Amino acid sequence: MNRNNKYEILLWSVAFPGFGQILNRKFFKGFLFITLEFLINVQSNFNKVILLSIHGEIEKAIQQANYRWLMFYPCLYFFAVWDAYKDVGGGKSLFAFLPFAFASYSVTVGLIFSPTFKMMGILFGPVWLPTLSVIPGVVIGLLIKKLKNQCSS
């Protein structure tokens, strides 16, 4: 594996927080992220929530979700992805972190509204609404990054 390929490391970190750090030979951080991801996953019932959501059982997914724990997941997830990408040399431009940070914020907001938010009568729940919330977060982050970079030039 080419440890200098920032996109490869980025994608491994997206697949599972901590894998990117391990590939970057940041073993303590990698195992810390894996441990935290596992802890949050188990305490929030996240795998069960994902399974129920994929099967279209959104109401059951909402009932199974432990939101007190699940609220930690977006920040941990996007920080771990950013950290692995940054450590391999990605994101060197000014404000490169903004799309990751705003994705974390928007996913958290999506999670907050997920038990009640409906669009055209469809309840998206604790998996689909936060997942869809990544898009506006990244777009807002990219727009602000672009504006900030133009202002500082």
Protein backbone atom coordinates (compact mmCIF):
# COMPACT_ATOMS: atom_id res chain seq x y z
CA MET A 1 0.00 0.00 0.00
CA ASN A 2 1.21 3.47 -0.85
CA ARG A 3 0.97 5.42 2.41
CA ASN A 4 1.48 8.66 0.51
CA ASN A 5 -1.81 8.32 -1.36
CA LYS A 6 -3.98 10.79 0.55
CA TYR A 7 -7.18 9.68 -1.17
CA GLU A 8 -6.61 6.03 -0.32
CA ILE A 9 -6.10 6.94 3.33
CA LEU A 10 -9.10 9.28 3.21
CA LEU A 11 -11.32 6.47 1.89
CA TRP A 12 -10.09 3.96 4.50
CA SER A 13 -10.85 6.51 7.19
CA VAL A 14 -14.32 7.05 5.71
CA ALA A 15 -14.85 3.28 5.82
CA PHE A 16 -13.94 3.11 9.52
CA PRO A 17 -12.61 5.86 11.78
CA GLY A 18 -9.08 4.99 12.88
CA PHE A 19 -8.04 2.96 9.82
CA GLY A 20 -6.54 6.04 8.15
CA GLN A 21 -4.48 6.81 11.25
CA ILE A 22 -3.18 3.23 11.37
CA LEU A 23 -2.16 3.47 7.71
CA ASN A 24 -0.41 6.75 8.60
CA ARG A 25 1.43 4.82 11.34
CA LYS A 26 -0.26 6.89 14.04
CA PHE A 27 -1.15 3.75 15.96
CA PHE A 28 -2.20 5.32 19.26
CA LYS A 29 -4.59 7.74 17.54
CA GLY A 30 -5.86 4.98 15.26
CA PHE A 31 -6.67 2.60 18.08
CA LEU A 32 -8.14 5.46 20.11
CA PHE A 33 -10.54 6.34 17.26
CA ILE A 34 -11.42 2.67 16.74
CA THR A 35 -12.10 2.26 20.47
CA LEU A 36 -14.25 5.41 20.61
CA GLU A 37 -16.12 4.41 17.46
CA PHE A 38 -16.80 0.96 18.93
CA LEU A 39 -17.92 2.43 22.26
CA ILE A 40 -20.30 4.92 20.66
CA ASN A 41 -21.56 2.32 18.21
CA VAL A 42 -22.41 -0.18 20.95
CA GLN A 43 -23.86 2.37 23.41
CA SER A 44 -26.04 4.03 20.74
CA ASN A 45 -27.25 0.74 19.19
CA PHE A 46 -26.04 2.17 15.89
CA ASN A 47 -25.64 -1.12 14.01
CA LYS A 48 -29.17 -2.16 14.96
CA VAL A 49 -30.45 1.29 13.93
CA ILE A 50 -28.67 0.98 10.57
CA LEU A 51 -30.10 -2.49 9.97
CA LEU A 52 -33.65 -1.42 10.85
CA SER A 53 -33.31 1.68 8.63
CA ILE A 54 -32.09 -0.33 5.66
CA HIS A 55 -35.11 -2.60 6.09
CA GLY A 56 -37.39 0.45 6.13
CA GLU A 57 -38.38 0.08 9.78
CA ILE A 58 -37.74 3.73 10.62
CA GLU A 59 -40.03 3.93 13.66
CA LYS A 60 -38.27 0.93 15.23
CA ALA A 61 -34.90 2.47 14.39
CA ILE A 62 -35.90 5.68 16.18
CA GLN A 63 -37.02 3.69 19.22
CA GLN A 64 -33.76 1.70 19.31
CA ALA A 65 -31.45 4.71 18.89
CA ASN A 66 -29.79 6.01 22.01
CA TYR A 67 -29.50 9.64 20.92
CA ARG A 68 -27.40 10.61 23.95
CA TRP A 69 -24.61 8.45 22.58
CA LEU A 70 -25.40 8.78 18.89
CA MET A 71 -24.90 12.57 19.04
CA PHE A 72 -21.15 12.00 19.54
CA TYR A 73 -20.77 10.02 16.33
CA PRO A 74 -20.75 12.77 13.64
CA CYS A 75 -18.02 14.80 15.35
CA LEU A 76 -15.84 11.77 16.02
CA TYR A 77 -16.36 10.44 12.51
CA PHE A 78 -15.58 13.62 10.58
CA PHE A 79 -12.70 14.58 12.86
CA ALA A 80 -11.10 11.15 12.37
CA VAL A 81 -11.48 11.45 8.59
CA TRP A 82 -10.02 14.99 8.60
CA ASP A 83 -7.17 13.97 10.90
CA ALA A 84 -6.10 11.03 8.73
CA TYR A 85 -6.31 13.14 5.56
CA LYS A 86 -4.34 15.99 7.13
CA ASP A 87 -1.64 13.66 8.51
CA VAL A 88 -0.93 12.26 5.06
CA GLY A 89 -0.47 15.75 3.62
CA GLY A 90 -3.96 16.52 2.37
CA GLY A 91 -5.81 19.70 3.13
CA LYS A 92 -2.84 22.03 3.07
CA SER A 93 -4.82 24.95 1.72
CA LEU A 94 -6.11 27.56 4.09
CA PHE A 95 -9.47 26.59 5.64
CA ALA A 96 -9.36 23.08 4.10
CA PHE A 97 -10.96 21.73 7.28
CA LEU A 98 -14.22 23.65 6.74
CA PRO A 99 -16.06 21.04 4.59
CA PHE A 100 -15.31 18.38 7.23
CA ALA A 101 -16.37 20.62 10.14
CA PHE A 102 -19.58 21.80 8.46
CA ALA A 103 -20.45 18.24 7.45
CA SER A 104 -20.12 17.30 11.12
CA TYR A 105 -22.39 20.19 12.15
CA SER A 106 -25.03 19.48 9.53
CA VAL A 107 -25.11 15.74 10.26
CA THR A 108 -25.54 16.51 13.95
CA VAL A 109 -28.46 18.84 13.15
CA GLY A 110 -29.93 16.14 10.88
CA LEU A 111 -29.63 13.68 13.74
CA ILE A 112 -31.37 16.08 16.14
CA PHE A 113 -34.37 16.44 13.83
CA SER A 114 -34.38 12.82 12.61
CA PRO A 115 -37.07 11.47 14.97
CA THR A 116 -39.68 13.95 13.72
CA PHE A 117 -38.62 15.47 10.39
CA LYS A 118 -40.75 14.40 7.44
CA MET A 119 -40.48 15.38 3.79
CA MET A 120 -43.51 14.67 1.61
CA GLY A 121 -44.81 12.49 4.44
CA ILE A 122 -41.64 10.38 4.61
CA LEU A 123 -39.88 9.98 7.96
CA PHE A 124 -36.16 9.55 7.26
CA GLY A 125 -35.01 8.61 10.76
CA PRO A 126 -31.60 8.50 12.44
CA VAL A 127 -29.66 7.09 9.47
CA TRP A 128 -31.08 8.59 6.29
CA LEU A 129 -31.65 12.21 7.38
CA PRO A 130 -28.13 12.60 8.84
CA THR A 131 -26.66 10.91 5.75
CA LEU A 132 -28.52 13.31 3.46
CA SER A 133 -27.35 16.17 5.69
CA VAL A 134 -23.72 15.56 4.69
CA ILE A 135 -24.34 17.20 1.30
CA PRO A 136 -25.42 20.67 2.49
CA GLY A 137 -22.70 20.61 5.15
CA VAL A 138 -19.94 19.93 2.64
CA VAL A 139 -21.35 22.48 0.17
CA ILE A 140 -21.58 25.19 2.84
CA GLY A 141 -18.08 24.34 4.04
CA LEU A 142 -16.69 24.55 0.49
CA LEU A 143 -18.44 27.87 -0.15
CA ILE A 144 -17.15 29.41 3.07
CA LYS A 145 -13.66 28.03 2.36
CA LYS A 146 -13.75 29.62 -1.09
CA LEU A 147 -14.94 32.96 0.32
CA LYS A 148 -12.35 32.90 3.11
CA ASN A 149 -9.55 32.06 0.68
CA GLN A 150 -10.64 34.91 -1.64
CA CYS A 151 -10.75 37.36 1.27
CA SER A 152 -7.31 36.39 2.53
CA SER A 153 -5.68 36.64 -0.91
